[in-house]
Amino acid sequence: MSWLVLTILSALLLGLYDYFKKLALRGNAVMPVLFGSVAAGAAVWLPMALWAWLAPDQLPPVVRAVGEVPANGHLLLAAKAVLVGASWWFGYCGIRLLPLSIASPIRATGPLWTIAFAVVLFGEAPTLKQWAGVVIVLGAFFAFTFVGKREGIHFHRHTGVWFMIAATLLGASSSLYDKYLLQHARLGPCQVQAWFTIYMALMLAPAVLAWSRKANRHPWHWHWSIPVIGLTLLGADILYFTAIAQPGALIALISPVRRASVAVSFLLGILLFKERQIGAKAVCVAAIITGIILLA
């Protein structure tokens, strides 16, 4: 299967992933939902990691590789767990505070910041087409500030908006780091996904324990969508990592195509959560998707 098809399938699952997050966070505290979703993914990979270590000959090579990560590779993957964990925490907080039809489009501007980082850090020069994409995405983001005001959301001072911006910037950094891990550090897709998921669950365990001991903590209740978040992302990420690892894969195209998931989450927010301002938001989302395509 080509890396482009894998990326499109990953985008569809990511749209569902945002929907399940919003569903799980309705009236729920962020930390236990985040930990529960990450733990669901870790619960899939931990037995395979142990199996790959104890009896590698019984596994196919792609899974067997999970047990063959060198010591420096584990350090790199632990660093990714910290980076992604911070991005997800901000993202979960933002989705909890904002309508899904606003939170997801903000998150979809990630490719813009990936290009900005590439320009600043690596001296890359965007083409005229990419500059046009930058202008369109920024214009759509600015237009969202007016749409948000109709729902009482003032972008310059709304905590949820700043949470989503922080999550987006950290996510853009993670995209660049993924390319380094998969193409330069020579780690495989299963190795990256398995170990950063396991490490993130281990890192979040003390945080969720500290949350549980707070007297004034936000209420929490179990919901079936909590583990489904992690399992949906598991499928989306393995498709994404496999796409990046293929020879000739273009991260500059993979990133914007994957962000087309905003169309899925936007529609689900409108249809299932009955969110408002459909027409104005649809124009902004269409502009963001257009800009993202130009960024490729």
Protein backbone atom coordinates (compact mmCIF):
# COMPACT_ATOMS: atom_id res chain seq x y z
CA MET A 1 0.00 0.00 0.00
CA SER A 2 1.44 3.42 -0.97
CA TRP A 3 2.44 5.99 1.64
CA LEU A 4 -0.24 8.39 0.34
CA VAL A 5 -3.07 5.86 0.81
CA LEU A 6 -1.74 5.02 4.26
CA THR A 7 -1.76 8.72 5.12
CA ILE A 8 -5.37 9.18 3.96
CA LEU A 9 -6.52 6.22 6.09
CA SER A 10 -4.61 7.66 9.02
CA ALA A 11 -6.43 10.99 8.53
CA LEU A 12 -9.84 9.28 8.68
CA LEU A 13 -8.95 7.58 11.96
CA LEU A 14 -7.59 10.85 13.36
CA GLY A 15 -10.94 12.53 12.72
CA LEU A 16 -12.65 9.80 14.77
CA TYR A 17 -9.90 10.15 17.39
CA ASP A 18 -10.79 13.84 17.97
CA TYR A 19 -14.47 12.92 18.23
CA PHE A 20 -13.83 10.24 20.85
CA LYS A 21 -11.69 12.68 22.86
CA LYS A 22 -14.48 15.26 22.94
CA LEU A 23 -16.98 12.56 23.89
CA ALA A 24 -14.81 11.25 26.76
CA LEU A 25 -13.99 14.73 28.09
CA ARG A 26 -17.58 15.92 28.43
CA GLY A 27 -17.89 16.51 32.18
CA ASN A 28 -14.66 14.60 32.81
CA ALA A 29 -11.26 15.53 34.23
CA VAL A 30 -8.41 15.66 31.71
CA MET A 31 -5.67 13.69 33.45
CA PRO A 32 -7.49 10.35 34.00
CA VAL A 33 -8.94 10.47 30.47
CA LEU A 34 -5.47 11.12 29.02
CA PHE A 35 -3.91 8.36 31.12
CA GLY A 36 -6.69 5.89 30.31
CA SER A 37 -6.38 6.46 26.58
CA VAL A 38 -2.58 6.15 26.63
CA ALA A 39 -2.75 3.06 28.87
CA ALA A 40 -5.08 1.37 26.35
CA GLY A 41 -2.43 1.75 23.66
CA ALA A 42 0.35 0.65 26.01
CA ALA A 43 -1.67 -2.43 26.98
CA VAL A 44 -1.55 -3.53 23.33
CA TRP A 45 2.19 -2.97 22.91
CA LEU A 46 3.59 -4.06 26.30
CA PRO A 47 2.84 -7.80 25.84
CA MET A 48 4.38 -7.65 22.36
CA ALA A 49 7.48 -5.91 23.72
CA LEU A 50 7.87 -8.61 26.39
CA TRP A 51 7.25 -11.35 23.83
CA ALA A 52 9.83 -9.81 21.47
CA TRP A 53 12.34 -9.82 24.34
CA LEU A 54 11.63 -13.33 25.68
CA ALA A 55 10.86 -15.28 22.50
CA PRO A 56 11.72 -13.15 19.44
CA ASP A 57 11.89 -16.14 17.06
CA GLN A 58 8.15 -16.66 17.40
CA LEU A 59 7.30 -13.22 16.00
CA PRO A 60 7.39 -11.76 12.49
CA PRO A 61 10.40 -9.46 11.89
CA VAL A 62 8.40 -6.21 12.00
CA VAL A 63 7.13 -6.98 15.53
CA ARG A 64 10.33 -8.72 16.64
CA ALA A 65 12.13 -5.41 16.08
CA VAL A 66 10.31 -3.95 19.10
CA GLY A 67 12.72 -5.84 21.32
CA GLU A 68 15.80 -4.76 19.35
CA VAL A 69 15.92 -1.04 20.19
CA PRO A 70 19.42 0.04 21.32
CA ALA A 71 19.98 1.97 24.56
CA ASN A 72 20.36 5.33 22.81
CA GLY A 73 17.15 4.59 20.89
CA HIS A 74 15.27 4.19 24.18
CA LEU A 75 16.52 7.60 25.28
CA LEU A 76 15.31 9.16 22.02
CA LEU A 77 11.91 7.50 22.41
CA ALA A 78 11.60 8.61 26.04
CA ALA A 79 12.22 12.17 24.83
CA LYS A 80 9.44 11.73 22.26
CA ALA A 81 7.13 10.52 25.05
CA VAL A 82 7.76 13.75 26.99
CA LEU A 83 7.18 15.90 23.89
CA VAL A 84 4.01 14.12 22.82
CA GLY A 85 2.70 13.86 26.39
CA ALA A 86 2.92 17.63 26.79
CA SER A 87 1.26 18.19 23.40
CA TRP A 88 -1.59 15.82 24.24
CA TRP A 89 -2.20 17.30 27.67
CA PHE A 90 -2.59 20.77 26.18
CA GLY A 91 -4.72 19.35 23.38
CA TYR A 92 -7.06 17.46 25.73
CA CYS A 93 -7.50 20.58 27.85
CA GLY A 94 -8.26 22.63 24.75
CA ILE A 95 -10.79 20.16 23.36
CA ARG A 96 -12.51 19.99 26.75
CA LEU A 97 -12.94 23.78 26.83
CA LEU A 98 -13.78 24.47 23.17
CA PRO A 99 -16.36 23.25 20.65
CA LEU A 100 -14.87 20.47 18.51
CA SER A 101 -15.63 22.51 15.39
CA ILE A 102 -13.21 25.19 16.67
CA ALA A 103 -10.61 23.09 18.49
CA SER A 104 -9.91 20.74 15.58
CA PRO A 105 -9.34 23.49 12.97
CA ILE A 106 -6.86 25.22 15.30
CA ARG A 107 -5.00 21.91 15.66
CA ALA A 108 -5.11 21.47 11.88
CA THR A 109 -2.83 24.47 11.40
CA GLY A 110 0.09 22.24 12.49
CA PRO A 111 1.68 22.05 8.99
CA LEU A 112 2.00 25.84 9.01
CA TRP A 113 4.14 25.69 12.14
CA THR A 114 6.09 22.70 10.82
CA ILE A 115 7.12 24.82 7.83
CA ALA A 116 7.87 27.79 10.10
CA PHE A 117 10.18 25.61 12.23
CA ALA A 118 11.84 24.23 9.09
CA VAL A 119 12.52 27.79 7.89
CA VAL A 120 13.89 28.97 11.25
CA LEU A 121 15.82 25.85 12.27
CA PHE A 122 16.95 24.42 8.95
CA GLY A 123 17.02 27.49 6.71
CA GLU A 124 14.52 26.02 4.25
CA ALA A 125 12.94 28.42 1.74
CA PRO A 126 9.20 27.93 1.07
CA THR A 127 8.01 28.23 -2.52
CA LEU A 128 5.59 30.92 -3.69
CA LYS A 129 2.79 28.34 -3.53
CA GLN A 130 3.66 27.52 0.07
CA TRP A 131 3.73 31.20 1.00
CA ALA A 132 0.23 31.46 -0.47
CA GLY A 133 -0.79 28.53 1.75
CA VAL A 134 0.69 30.28 4.79
CA VAL A 135 -1.33 33.43 4.05
CA ILE A 136 -4.56 31.47 3.54
CA VAL A 137 -4.15 29.41 6.75
CA LEU A 138 -3.34 32.51 8.80
CA GLY A 139 -6.29 34.33 7.22
CA ALA A 140 -8.64 31.43 8.06
CA PHE A 141 -7.30 31.32 11.62
CA PHE A 142 -7.94 35.07 11.93
CA ALA A 143 -11.47 34.61 10.54
CA PHE A 144 -12.10 31.97 13.21
CA THR A 145 -11.57 34.65 15.86
CA PHE A 146 -14.69 36.43 14.58
CA VAL A 147 -16.69 33.20 14.36
CA GLY A 148 -15.64 32.32 17.90
CA LYS A 149 -16.86 35.66 19.24
CA ARG A 150 -20.38 34.74 18.14
CA GLU A 151 -20.17 31.85 20.63
CA GLY A 152 -18.58 33.95 23.37
CA ILE A 153 -15.03 32.70 22.62
CA HIS A 154 -12.50 35.54 22.53
CA PHE A 155 -9.38 34.01 20.98
CA HIS A 156 -6.87 36.40 22.52
CA ARG A 157 -7.91 35.60 26.09
CA HIS A 158 -9.66 32.19 25.99
CA THR A 159 -7.65 29.55 27.87
CA GLY A 160 -8.81 26.75 25.57
CA VAL A 161 -7.50 28.56 22.50
CA TRP A 162 -4.05 29.01 24.05
CA PHE A 163 -4.05 25.35 25.09
CA MET A 164 -4.76 24.33 21.50
CA ILE A 165 -2.05 26.65 20.15
CA ALA A 166 0.48 25.14 22.58
CA ALA A 167 -0.60 21.63 21.57
CA THR A 168 -0.23 22.55 17.89
CA LEU A 169 3.28 23.98 18.30
CA LEU A 170 4.43 20.93 20.26
CA GLY A 171 2.77 18.66 17.68
CA ALA A 172 4.64 20.40 14.86
CA SER A 173 7.90 19.82 16.74
CA SER A 174 6.95 16.16 17.11
CA SER A 175 6.43 15.84 13.34
CA LEU A 176 9.99 16.99 12.68
CA TYR A 177 11.26 14.69 15.42
CA ASP A 178 9.40 11.73 13.87
CA LYS A 179 11.30 12.25 10.64
CA TYR A 180 14.57 12.20 12.57
CA LEU A 181 13.66 9.02 14.45
CA LEU A 182 12.46 7.12 11.39
CA GLN A 183 14.89 8.33 8.72
CA HIS A 184 18.07 9.23 10.60
CA ALA A 185 18.00 7.25 13.85
CA ARG A 186 16.82 4.25 11.73
CA LEU A 187 14.09 3.22 14.16
CA GLY A 188 11.13 1.30 12.73
CA PRO A 189 7.45 2.35 12.93
CA CYS A 190 6.58 -0.39 15.45
CA GLN A 191 9.60 0.48 17.59
CA VAL A 192 8.63 4.15 17.73
CA GLN A 193 4.96 3.58 18.44
CA ALA A 194 5.43 0.79 20.97
CA TRP A 195 8.06 2.39 23.16
CA PHE A 196 6.92 5.98 23.18
CA THR A 197 3.42 4.77 24.11
CA ILE A 198 4.76 2.58 26.93
CA TYR A 199 7.05 5.34 28.20
CA MET A 200 4.25 7.88 28.13
CA ALA A 201 1.98 5.61 30.18
CA LEU A 202 4.77 5.19 32.75
CA MET A 203 5.36 8.94 32.88
CA LEU A 204 1.65 9.74 33.30
CA ALA A 205 1.07 7.17 36.07
CA PRO A 206 2.53 9.38 38.87
CA ALA A 207 0.62 12.39 37.52
CA VAL A 208 -2.74 10.61 37.57
CA LEU A 209 -1.97 9.26 41.06
CA ALA A 210 -1.25 12.81 42.29
CA TRP A 211 -4.49 13.97 40.65
CA SER A 212 -6.49 11.25 42.44
CA ARG A 213 -5.27 12.52 45.82
CA LYS A 214 -6.37 16.11 45.27
CA ALA A 215 -9.29 17.07 47.45
CA ASN A 216 -10.59 19.62 44.94
CA ARG A 217 -10.05 17.56 41.81
CA HIS A 218 -12.47 17.76 38.90
CA PRO A 219 -15.09 14.96 38.86
CA TRP A 220 -14.37 11.88 36.78
CA HIS A 221 -16.48 8.98 35.57
CA TRP A 222 -15.75 5.99 33.35
CA HIS A 223 -16.81 6.14 29.71
CA TRP A 224 -16.32 3.51 27.02
CA SER A 225 -14.76 6.08 24.69
CA ILE A 226 -11.67 6.49 26.93
CA PRO A 227 -9.85 3.30 25.80
CA VAL A 228 -11.25 3.72 22.27
CA ILE A 229 -9.28 7.00 22.03
CA GLY A 230 -6.02 5.11 22.48
CA LEU A 231 -6.97 2.25 20.18
CA THR A 232 -8.10 4.61 17.40
CA LEU A 233 -4.85 6.54 17.65
CA LEU A 234 -2.95 3.25 17.64
CA GLY A 235 -4.36 2.48 14.21
CA ALA A 236 -3.86 6.04 12.92
CA ASP A 237 -0.27 6.21 14.12
CA ILE A 238 0.90 2.85 12.79
CA LEU A 239 -0.43 3.87 9.37
CA TYR A 240 1.34 7.24 9.73
CA PHE A 241 4.67 5.79 10.86
CA THR A 242 4.57 3.17 8.13
CA ALA A 243 3.92 5.90 5.54
CA ILE A 244 6.86 8.03 6.76
CA ALA A 245 9.21 5.03 6.77
CA GLN A 246 8.56 4.19 3.10
CA PRO A 247 11.29 5.22 0.63
CA GLY A 248 10.36 8.44 -1.14
CA ALA A 249 7.76 9.46 1.45
CA LEU A 250 7.44 13.25 1.66
CA ILE A 251 6.82 14.59 5.18
CA ALA A 252 5.85 17.92 3.61
CA LEU A 253 2.91 16.14 1.91
CA ILE A 254 2.14 13.60 4.64
CA SER A 255 1.65 16.27 7.29
CA PRO A 256 -1.00 18.33 5.44
CA VAL A 257 -2.86 15.27 4.09
CA ARG A 258 -3.03 13.85 7.60
CA ARG A 259 -4.44 17.13 8.89
CA ALA A 260 -7.37 16.76 6.50
CA SER A 261 -8.80 14.80 9.44
CA VAL A 262 -10.21 18.19 10.50
CA ALA A 263 -13.01 17.70 7.94
CA VAL A 264 -14.07 14.46 9.66
CA SER A 265 -13.98 15.88 13.20
CA PHE A 266 -15.67 19.09 12.06
CA LEU A 267 -18.60 17.17 10.55
CA LEU A 268 -18.91 14.97 13.63
CA GLY A 269 -18.92 18.03 15.88
CA ILE A 270 -21.72 19.61 13.86
CA LEU A 271 -23.81 16.45 13.41
CA LEU A 272 -23.39 14.73 16.79
CA PHE A 273 -22.71 17.61 19.18
CA LYS A 274 -25.10 20.03 17.43
CA GLU A 275 -22.50 22.81 17.40
CA ARG A 276 -23.44 26.20 15.97
CA GLN A 277 -22.28 28.62 13.25
CA ILE A 278 -22.09 25.85 10.64
CA GLY A 279 -21.78 28.04 7.54
CA ALA A 280 -19.10 30.41 8.82
CA LYS A 281 -17.05 27.57 10.33
CA ALA A 282 -17.33 25.52 7.14
CA VAL A 283 -15.86 28.40 5.12
CA CYS A 284 -12.95 28.71 7.57
CA VAL A 285 -12.32 24.95 7.57
CA ALA A 286 -12.39 24.87 3.75
CA ALA A 287 -9.86 27.72 3.69
CA ILE A 288 -7.59 25.90 6.15
CA ILE A 289 -7.70 22.70 4.10
CA THR A 290 -6.97 24.71 0.92
CA GLY A 291 -4.02 26.40 2.59
CA ILE A 292 -2.71 23.09 3.90
CA ILE A 293 -2.84 21.61 0.39
CA LEU A 294 -0.81 24.56 -0.89
CA LEU A 295 1.73 24.02 1.89
CA ALA A 296 2.49 20.54 0.50
